Each structure stands twice: as structure tokens, then as C-alpha cells.
């Protein structure tokens, strides 16, 4: 890993990161994704609920209150797609996003993956600190994009 943050910098200030879904503040996550994010405006609560159920999720908490979120779609053997990464406005500028990505990349169940992917419009500097680079052969990749229909 290229970048390294000392966990104690955050834990001594009352922050922790957990993958326990029971701790997630669903309403906060849904509101952020559907109203504030640029990548999933208008997403339905049901779609967010299904995505959380079927993903490895990471929550950042400050004294029990959720401060950030990230979701990983993975088979835990060969592939992981990092998405829905955000830190709430009141907690930005503290280095939490760096700590979150470091924690995800170091997670025991994710070691030895052949490929990690993500898409970002504005956080290339953050992710490059952890080894993410532009695709070397983007012409080899294909996709289907179906925008969410808002009701």
C-alpha cells in the first residue's frame, strides 16, 4: 500500500470503522445517496437496501454516530468494485476518507484479489494513494448503463 494512516490518530478521537451492517444508519445513507451524491441521485430506498444487503459495507462512526460509508461488491476471491464512498460534510477534512480506503484495502477477507475497480469523477488523488490507476486497457472493458428511473 502506498499511503499509510495511523489508526490511533482516529480511534483516540472516538472514531471507528466497522463492517457490522446492524450499525449502519440506513436513513442517513439513503438520504446522502439519493439527494447529495452525484452518482445515484434519485435512487430508491429499496434499491439502496438491496445494495447494502448484497455488499460488504464499511461504516465510519464518531462516538456511535455514522460519519461515512463505503460499499464493496466482491466475491472475496478475485474481484472487488468499490462504490458509494462518502464522508458527511461535518466530518470532511479530517483524513477519514484516507483512513477508510486504507482499512478497506487491508481487510483480511480482501487480500489476494486479482482486480479492484472503482469509478470516480473527482477523487483520483485520494485513490491513487492506494494504488488505483487508470485502466491500462480500457478498450477491453465493456459495460451496460441503465440510469435509474425516478418515481
N, C-alpha and C. Protein backbone atom coordinates (compact mmCIF):
# COMPACT_ATOMS: atom_id res chain seq x y z
N UNK A 1 0.84 -1.17 0.00
CA UNK A 1 0.00 0.00 0.00
C UNK A 1 0.89 1.24 0.00
N UNK A 2 0.54 2.21 -0.76
CA UNK A 2 1.37 3.39 -0.90
C UNK A 2 1.21 4.36 0.25
N UNK A 3 -0.01 4.60 0.68
CA UNK A 3 -0.27 5.56 1.74
C UNK A 3 -0.50 4.81 3.05
N UNK A 4 -0.19 5.44 4.18
CA UNK A 4 -0.39 4.79 5.47
C UNK A 4 -0.83 5.82 6.50
N UNK A 5 -1.98 5.56 7.11
CA UNK A 5 -2.52 6.40 8.17
C UNK A 5 -2.48 5.58 9.46
N UNK A 6 -2.08 6.18 10.54
CA UNK A 6 -2.05 5.52 11.84
C UNK A 6 -3.47 5.47 12.40
N UNK A 7 -3.99 4.27 12.60
CA UNK A 7 -5.36 4.09 13.11
C UNK A 7 -5.60 4.86 14.41
N UNK A 8 -4.59 4.90 15.27
CA UNK A 8 -4.74 5.54 16.58
C UNK A 8 -5.04 7.03 16.47
N UNK A 9 -4.65 7.65 15.36
CA UNK A 9 -4.96 9.07 15.15
C UNK A 9 -6.47 9.28 15.22
N UNK A 10 -7.23 8.30 14.74
CA UNK A 10 -8.69 8.41 14.71
C UNK A 10 -9.35 7.74 15.90
N UNK A 11 -8.87 6.56 16.28
CA UNK A 11 -9.53 5.84 17.37
C UNK A 11 -9.44 6.61 18.69
N UNK A 12 -8.35 7.32 18.93
CA UNK A 12 -8.23 8.10 20.17
C UNK A 12 -9.17 9.30 20.18
N UNK A 13 -9.70 9.65 19.02
CA UNK A 13 -10.66 10.76 18.93
C UNK A 13 -12.10 10.27 18.89
N UNK A 14 -12.30 8.96 19.14
CA UNK A 14 -13.66 8.42 19.19
C UNK A 14 -14.18 7.87 17.88
N UNK A 15 -13.34 7.75 16.85
CA UNK A 15 -13.77 7.19 15.57
C UNK A 15 -13.50 5.69 15.52
N UNK A 16 -14.33 4.98 14.79
CA UNK A 16 -14.05 3.58 14.48
C UNK A 16 -14.68 3.23 13.15
N UNK A 17 -14.18 2.16 12.55
CA UNK A 17 -14.71 1.64 11.29
C UNK A 17 -15.19 0.23 11.54
N UNK A 18 -16.38 -0.08 11.03
CA UNK A 18 -16.96 -1.40 11.24
C UNK A 18 -17.63 -1.89 9.96
N UNK A 19 -17.67 -3.22 9.81
CA UNK A 19 -18.41 -3.84 8.72
C UNK A 19 -19.74 -4.43 9.22
N UNK A 20 -20.09 -4.15 10.45
CA UNK A 20 -21.34 -4.67 11.01
C UNK A 20 -22.52 -3.88 10.44
N UNK A 21 -23.33 -4.55 9.66
CA UNK A 21 -24.45 -3.88 9.00
C UNK A 21 -25.50 -3.37 9.98
N UNK A 22 -25.59 -3.99 11.16
CA UNK A 22 -26.56 -3.56 12.16
C UNK A 22 -26.28 -2.14 12.64
N UNK A 23 -25.04 -1.69 12.51
CA UNK A 23 -24.67 -0.35 12.97
C UNK A 23 -24.98 0.73 11.93
N UNK A 24 -25.20 0.34 10.69
CA UNK A 24 -25.40 1.33 9.63
C UNK A 24 -26.66 2.16 9.87
N UNK A 25 -26.55 3.45 9.62
CA UNK A 25 -27.68 4.37 9.70
C UNK A 25 -28.30 4.42 8.30
N UNK A 26 -29.24 3.52 8.06
CA UNK A 26 -29.80 3.38 6.72
C UNK A 26 -30.37 4.69 6.19
N UNK A 27 -31.14 5.40 7.00
CA UNK A 27 -31.77 6.64 6.54
C UNK A 27 -30.72 7.67 6.11
N UNK A 28 -29.65 7.79 6.87
CA UNK A 28 -28.58 8.73 6.51
C UNK A 28 -27.95 8.32 5.18
N UNK A 29 -27.64 7.03 5.03
CA UNK A 29 -27.02 6.54 3.80
C UNK A 29 -27.96 6.78 2.62
N UNK A 30 -29.21 6.40 2.77
CA UNK A 30 -30.18 6.59 1.69
C UNK A 30 -30.32 8.06 1.33
N UNK A 31 -30.47 8.92 2.33
CA UNK A 31 -30.61 10.35 2.05
C UNK A 31 -29.39 10.90 1.33
N UNK A 32 -28.20 10.51 1.76
CA UNK A 32 -26.99 11.01 1.09
C UNK A 32 -26.96 10.53 -0.36
N UNK A 33 -27.15 9.24 -0.57
CA UNK A 33 -27.05 8.70 -1.93
C UNK A 33 -28.13 9.27 -2.84
N UNK A 34 -29.35 9.38 -2.36
CA UNK A 34 -30.45 9.80 -3.22
C UNK A 34 -30.50 11.31 -3.44
N UNK A 35 -29.95 12.09 -2.51
CA UNK A 35 -30.09 13.55 -2.59
C UNK A 35 -28.78 14.30 -2.78
N UNK A 36 -27.68 13.81 -2.20
CA UNK A 36 -26.44 14.58 -2.21
C UNK A 36 -25.37 14.06 -3.17
N UNK A 37 -25.34 12.77 -3.42
CA UNK A 37 -24.30 12.22 -4.28
C UNK A 37 -24.56 12.59 -5.74
N UNK A 38 -23.48 12.64 -6.52
CA UNK A 38 -23.65 12.90 -7.95
C UNK A 38 -23.88 11.61 -8.72
N UNK A 39 -23.61 10.46 -8.12
CA UNK A 39 -23.65 9.21 -8.84
C UNK A 39 -24.95 8.42 -8.69
N UNK A 40 -25.79 8.77 -7.73
CA UNK A 40 -27.02 7.97 -7.59
C UNK A 40 -28.22 8.80 -7.16
N UNK A 41 -28.25 10.05 -7.60
CA UNK A 41 -29.41 10.91 -7.27
C UNK A 41 -30.69 10.21 -7.71
N UNK A 42 -31.67 10.22 -6.83
CA UNK A 42 -32.97 9.64 -7.18
C UNK A 42 -33.08 8.14 -6.93
N UNK A 43 -32.03 7.51 -6.46
CA UNK A 43 -32.11 6.07 -6.20
C UNK A 43 -33.18 5.81 -5.14
N UNK A 44 -33.89 4.72 -5.27
CA UNK A 44 -34.96 4.41 -4.32
C UNK A 44 -34.39 3.79 -3.05
N UNK A 45 -35.14 3.90 -1.98
CA UNK A 45 -34.74 3.30 -0.71
C UNK A 45 -34.61 1.78 -0.85
N UNK A 46 -35.51 1.18 -1.58
CA UNK A 46 -35.47 -0.27 -1.76
C UNK A 46 -34.19 -0.70 -2.50
N UNK A 47 -33.79 0.05 -3.50
CA UNK A 47 -32.57 -0.28 -4.23
C UNK A 47 -31.34 -0.13 -3.33
N UNK A 48 -31.32 0.89 -2.49
CA UNK A 48 -30.21 1.08 -1.55
C UNK A 48 -30.19 -0.08 -0.56
N UNK A 49 -31.36 -0.48 -0.06
CA UNK A 49 -31.45 -1.58 0.90
C UNK A 49 -30.90 -2.87 0.28
N UNK A 50 -31.28 -3.16 -0.94
CA UNK A 50 -30.79 -4.37 -1.62
C UNK A 50 -29.29 -4.30 -1.83
N UNK A 51 -28.78 -3.13 -2.22
CA UNK A 51 -27.35 -2.99 -2.47
C UNK A 51 -26.54 -3.21 -1.20
N UNK A 52 -27.03 -2.72 -0.08
CA UNK A 52 -26.35 -2.91 1.20
C UNK A 52 -26.39 -4.38 1.61
N UNK A 53 -27.54 -5.01 1.45
CA UNK A 53 -27.69 -6.42 1.81
C UNK A 53 -26.70 -7.30 1.06
N UNK A 54 -26.43 -6.99 -0.19
CA UNK A 54 -25.61 -7.84 -1.04
C UNK A 54 -24.17 -7.37 -1.20
N UNK A 55 -23.71 -6.51 -0.32
CA UNK A 55 -22.35 -5.96 -0.40
C UNK A 55 -21.65 -6.05 0.94
N UNK A 56 -20.33 -5.92 0.89
CA UNK A 56 -19.53 -5.75 2.10
C UNK A 56 -19.48 -4.25 2.36
N UNK A 57 -20.04 -3.82 3.47
CA UNK A 57 -20.17 -2.39 3.75
C UNK A 57 -19.28 -1.98 4.90
N UNK A 58 -18.76 -0.76 4.81
CA UNK A 58 -17.89 -0.19 5.83
C UNK A 58 -18.51 1.12 6.30
N UNK A 59 -18.73 1.22 7.58
CA UNK A 59 -19.22 2.46 8.16
C UNK A 59 -18.15 3.08 9.04
N UNK A 60 -18.04 4.40 8.98
CA UNK A 60 -17.16 5.13 9.90
C UNK A 60 -18.08 5.78 10.92
N UNK A 61 -17.70 5.68 12.18
CA UNK A 61 -18.52 6.19 13.27
C UNK A 61 -17.69 7.08 14.18
N UNK A 62 -18.33 8.12 14.69
CA UNK A 62 -17.74 9.02 15.68
C UNK A 62 -18.63 8.92 16.91
N UNK A 63 -18.12 8.32 17.95
CA UNK A 63 -18.89 8.14 19.18
C UNK A 63 -20.28 7.57 18.90
N UNK A 64 -20.35 6.58 18.01
CA UNK A 64 -21.60 5.91 17.69
C UNK A 64 -22.42 6.52 16.57
N UNK A 65 -22.11 7.75 16.15
CA UNK A 65 -22.84 8.40 15.06
C UNK A 65 -22.11 8.14 13.74
N UNK A 66 -22.84 7.72 12.72
CA UNK A 66 -22.20 7.42 11.45
C UNK A 66 -21.71 8.69 10.77
N UNK A 67 -20.45 8.65 10.33
CA UNK A 67 -19.80 9.80 9.71
C UNK A 67 -19.46 9.56 8.24
N UNK A 68 -19.47 8.30 7.81
CA UNK A 68 -19.12 7.99 6.43
C UNK A 68 -19.49 6.57 6.09
N UNK A 69 -19.29 6.23 4.81
CA UNK A 69 -19.76 4.94 4.30
C UNK A 69 -18.97 4.57 3.05
N UNK A 70 -18.83 3.28 2.83
CA UNK A 70 -18.31 2.75 1.56
C UNK A 70 -18.89 1.36 1.38
N UNK A 71 -19.06 0.99 0.14
CA UNK A 71 -19.65 -0.30 -0.19
C UNK A 71 -18.73 -1.01 -1.17
N UNK A 72 -18.54 -2.31 -0.96
CA UNK A 72 -17.68 -3.09 -1.83
C UNK A 72 -18.48 -4.28 -2.37
N UNK A 73 -18.53 -4.37 -3.69
CA UNK A 73 -19.16 -5.51 -4.35
C UNK A 73 -18.01 -6.46 -4.66
N UNK A 74 -18.05 -7.65 -4.07
CA UNK A 74 -16.90 -8.54 -4.19
C UNK A 74 -17.28 -10.01 -4.05
N UNK A 75 -16.45 -10.86 -4.65
CA UNK A 75 -16.57 -12.30 -4.41
C UNK A 75 -15.57 -12.76 -3.35
N UNK A 76 -14.75 -11.83 -2.85
CA UNK A 76 -13.74 -12.05 -1.81
C UNK A 76 -12.67 -13.05 -2.24
N UNK A 77 -12.58 -13.30 -3.54
CA UNK A 77 -11.56 -14.23 -4.04
C UNK A 77 -10.74 -13.62 -5.17
N UNK A 78 -11.43 -12.94 -6.10
CA UNK A 78 -10.72 -12.44 -7.28
C UNK A 78 -11.01 -10.98 -7.62
N UNK A 79 -12.15 -10.44 -7.18
CA UNK A 79 -12.61 -9.16 -7.70
C UNK A 79 -13.31 -8.33 -6.63
N UNK A 80 -13.12 -7.00 -6.72
CA UNK A 80 -13.86 -6.07 -5.86
C UNK A 80 -14.12 -4.78 -6.60
N UNK A 81 -15.32 -4.27 -6.48
CA UNK A 81 -15.70 -2.98 -7.04
C UNK A 81 -16.08 -2.07 -5.88
N UNK A 82 -15.32 -1.00 -5.70
CA UNK A 82 -15.54 -0.04 -4.62
C UNK A 82 -16.50 1.04 -5.08
N UNK A 83 -17.53 1.31 -4.27
CA UNK A 83 -18.52 2.31 -4.68
C UNK A 83 -19.18 2.95 -3.47
N UNK A 84 -19.98 3.96 -3.74
CA UNK A 84 -20.77 4.66 -2.73
C UNK A 84 -19.92 5.15 -1.56
N UNK A 85 -18.73 5.64 -1.86
CA UNK A 85 -17.83 6.13 -0.82
C UNK A 85 -18.16 7.59 -0.53
N UNK A 86 -18.42 7.89 0.76
CA UNK A 86 -18.63 9.30 1.12
C UNK A 86 -18.36 9.52 2.60
N UNK A 87 -18.02 10.75 2.90
CA UNK A 87 -17.87 11.24 4.26
C UNK A 87 -18.85 12.40 4.40
N UNK A 88 -19.63 12.42 5.47
CA UNK A 88 -20.56 13.53 5.67
C UNK A 88 -19.81 14.85 5.80
N UNK A 89 -20.44 15.92 5.34
CA UNK A 89 -19.83 17.25 5.29
C UNK A 89 -19.19 17.67 6.62
N UNK A 90 -19.88 17.42 7.72
CA UNK A 90 -19.37 17.86 9.03
C UNK A 90 -18.09 17.14 9.45
N UNK A 91 -17.75 16.03 8.76
CA UNK A 91 -16.56 15.26 9.10
C UNK A 91 -15.47 15.34 8.03
N UNK A 92 -15.70 16.11 6.98
CA UNK A 92 -14.71 16.23 5.91
C UNK A 92 -13.49 17.02 6.40
N UNK A 93 -12.36 16.75 5.76
CA UNK A 93 -11.13 17.47 6.07
C UNK A 93 -10.35 16.90 7.23
N UNK A 94 -10.77 15.75 7.75
CA UNK A 94 -10.09 15.14 8.88
C UNK A 94 -9.19 13.98 8.48
N UNK A 95 -9.24 13.60 7.19
CA UNK A 95 -8.47 12.45 6.73
C UNK A 95 -9.22 11.13 6.82
N UNK A 96 -10.53 11.20 7.08
CA UNK A 96 -11.31 9.98 7.24
C UNK A 96 -11.43 9.16 5.96
N UNK A 97 -11.51 9.82 4.81
CA UNK A 97 -11.61 9.07 3.57
C UNK A 97 -10.34 8.25 3.33
N UNK A 98 -9.21 8.83 3.65
CA UNK A 98 -7.94 8.11 3.51
C UNK A 98 -7.91 6.90 4.45
N UNK A 99 -8.33 7.11 5.69
CA UNK A 99 -8.37 6.03 6.66
C UNK A 99 -9.34 4.93 6.22
N UNK A 100 -10.47 5.32 5.67
CA UNK A 100 -11.47 4.37 5.21
C UNK A 100 -10.92 3.50 4.08
N UNK A 101 -10.31 4.11 3.07
CA UNK A 101 -9.77 3.35 1.94
C UNK A 101 -8.64 2.44 2.42
N UNK A 102 -7.79 2.94 3.30
CA UNK A 102 -6.71 2.11 3.85
C UNK A 102 -7.28 0.89 4.55
N UNK A 103 -8.32 1.09 5.35
CA UNK A 103 -8.95 0.00 6.09
C UNK A 103 -9.57 -1.03 5.15
N UNK A 104 -10.22 -0.55 4.11
CA UNK A 104 -10.82 -1.46 3.13
C UNK A 104 -9.75 -2.28 2.44
N UNK A 105 -8.70 -1.62 1.97
CA UNK A 105 -7.62 -2.33 1.25
C UNK A 105 -6.91 -3.34 2.14
N UNK A 106 -6.89 -3.12 3.45
CA UNK A 106 -6.20 -4.01 4.38
C UNK A 106 -7.11 -5.10 4.97
N UNK A 107 -8.38 -5.06 4.66
CA UNK A 107 -9.33 -6.00 5.24
C UNK A 107 -8.89 -7.44 4.96
N UNK A 108 -8.93 -8.27 6.00
CA UNK A 108 -8.46 -9.66 5.89
C UNK A 108 -9.11 -10.45 4.76
N UNK A 109 -10.41 -10.29 4.57
CA UNK A 109 -11.13 -11.08 3.57
C UNK A 109 -10.87 -10.63 2.14
N UNK A 110 -10.10 -9.55 1.97
CA UNK A 110 -9.90 -8.98 0.63
C UNK A 110 -8.46 -9.09 0.15
N UNK A 111 -7.65 -9.83 0.88
CA UNK A 111 -6.26 -9.96 0.48
C UNK A 111 -6.13 -10.96 -0.67
N UNK A 112 -5.27 -10.67 -1.62
CA UNK A 112 -5.03 -11.57 -2.75
C UNK A 112 -5.98 -11.40 -3.91
N UNK A 113 -6.85 -10.38 -3.87
CA UNK A 113 -7.74 -10.16 -5.01
C UNK A 113 -6.92 -9.80 -6.25
N UNK A 114 -7.33 -10.30 -7.39
CA UNK A 114 -6.63 -10.01 -8.63
C UNK A 114 -6.97 -8.61 -9.16
N UNK A 115 -8.20 -8.17 -8.97
CA UNK A 115 -8.60 -6.88 -9.54
C UNK A 115 -9.50 -6.12 -8.60
N UNK A 116 -9.20 -4.83 -8.46
CA UNK A 116 -10.04 -3.85 -7.76
C UNK A 116 -10.42 -2.81 -8.79
N UNK A 117 -11.68 -2.38 -8.77
CA UNK A 117 -12.14 -1.32 -9.67
C UNK A 117 -12.94 -0.28 -8.89
N UNK A 118 -12.99 0.90 -9.43
CA UNK A 118 -13.87 1.95 -8.93
C UNK A 118 -14.04 2.96 -10.04
N UNK A 119 -15.03 3.80 -9.89
CA UNK A 119 -15.25 4.91 -10.81
C UNK A 119 -15.38 6.18 -9.97
N UNK A 120 -14.71 7.23 -10.39
CA UNK A 120 -14.79 8.50 -9.66
C UNK A 120 -14.70 9.66 -10.64
N UNK A 121 -15.42 10.71 -10.34
CA UNK A 121 -15.35 11.92 -11.15
C UNK A 121 -14.39 12.94 -10.55
N UNK A 122 -14.09 12.77 -9.24
CA UNK A 122 -13.35 13.86 -8.59
C UNK A 122 -12.37 13.45 -7.49
N UNK A 123 -12.15 12.16 -7.26
CA UNK A 123 -11.28 11.77 -6.15
C UNK A 123 -10.08 10.94 -6.60
N UNK A 124 -9.58 11.21 -7.77
CA UNK A 124 -8.42 10.47 -8.29
C UNK A 124 -7.22 10.58 -7.36
N UNK A 125 -7.01 11.75 -6.77
CA UNK A 125 -5.87 11.95 -5.88
C UNK A 125 -5.94 11.06 -4.65
N UNK A 126 -7.13 10.89 -4.10
CA UNK A 126 -7.31 10.00 -2.94
C UNK A 126 -6.97 8.57 -3.32
N UNK A 127 -7.61 8.06 -4.36
CA UNK A 127 -7.48 6.65 -4.69
C UNK A 127 -6.09 6.30 -5.21
N UNK A 128 -5.44 7.21 -5.88
CA UNK A 128 -4.09 6.92 -6.39
C UNK A 128 -3.11 6.67 -5.24
N UNK A 129 -3.37 7.22 -4.07
CA UNK A 129 -2.52 6.98 -2.90
C UNK A 129 -2.55 5.52 -2.45
N UNK A 130 -3.53 4.77 -2.93
CA UNK A 130 -3.70 3.38 -2.53
C UNK A 130 -3.53 2.42 -3.71
N UNK A 131 -2.86 2.89 -4.76
CA UNK A 131 -2.52 2.03 -5.88
C UNK A 131 -3.48 2.02 -7.04
N UNK A 132 -4.60 2.73 -6.95
CA UNK A 132 -5.53 2.78 -8.08
C UNK A 132 -4.94 3.64 -9.19
N UNK A 133 -5.04 3.16 -10.40
CA UNK A 133 -4.53 3.87 -11.58
C UNK A 133 -5.59 3.77 -12.68
N UNK A 134 -5.50 4.64 -13.69
CA UNK A 134 -6.42 4.49 -14.82
C UNK A 134 -6.27 3.09 -15.44
N UNK A 135 -7.35 2.59 -16.01
CA UNK A 135 -7.31 1.27 -16.63
C UNK A 135 -6.22 1.23 -17.71
N UNK A 136 -5.43 0.16 -17.72
CA UNK A 136 -4.35 0.05 -18.70
C UNK A 136 -4.87 -0.31 -20.09
N UNK A 137 -5.97 -1.01 -20.15
CA UNK A 137 -6.56 -1.38 -21.43
C UNK A 137 -8.06 -1.11 -21.42
N UNK A 138 -8.45 0.17 -21.38
CA UNK A 138 -9.88 0.46 -21.28
C UNK A 138 -10.69 -0.09 -22.45
N UNK A 139 -10.06 -0.28 -23.60
CA UNK A 139 -10.78 -0.82 -24.76
C UNK A 139 -11.21 -2.27 -24.55
N UNK A 140 -10.62 -2.95 -23.58
CA UNK A 140 -11.00 -4.33 -23.28
C UNK A 140 -12.27 -4.41 -22.45
N UNK A 141 -12.66 -3.30 -21.84
CA UNK A 141 -13.79 -3.29 -20.93
C UNK A 141 -15.06 -2.88 -21.65
N UNK A 142 -16.16 -3.49 -21.28
CA UNK A 142 -17.46 -3.14 -21.82
C UNK A 142 -18.43 -2.98 -20.66
N UNK A 143 -19.52 -2.33 -20.90
CA UNK A 143 -20.49 -2.14 -19.85
C UNK A 143 -21.88 -1.90 -20.39
N UNK A 144 -22.82 -1.97 -19.50
CA UNK A 144 -24.21 -1.61 -19.79
C UNK A 144 -24.58 -0.57 -18.75
N UNK A 145 -25.10 0.55 -19.17
CA UNK A 145 -25.50 1.60 -18.24
C UNK A 145 -26.99 1.83 -18.42
N UNK A 146 -27.74 1.62 -17.36
CA UNK A 146 -29.18 1.85 -17.36
C UNK A 146 -29.49 2.81 -16.22
N UNK A 147 -29.69 4.11 -16.51
CA UNK A 147 -29.96 5.08 -15.43
C UNK A 147 -31.21 4.68 -14.65
N UNK A 148 -31.19 4.99 -13.37
CA UNK A 148 -32.36 4.74 -12.52
C UNK A 148 -33.52 5.59 -12.99
N UNK A 149 -34.69 5.01 -12.97
CA UNK A 149 -35.91 5.77 -13.23
C UNK A 149 -36.42 6.30 -11.90
N UNK A 150 -36.67 7.58 -11.82
CA UNK A 150 -37.18 8.15 -10.58
C UNK A 150 -38.69 8.20 -10.65
N UNK A 151 -39.30 7.84 -9.55
CA UNK A 151 -40.78 7.84 -9.49
C UNK A 151 -41.31 9.16 -9.05
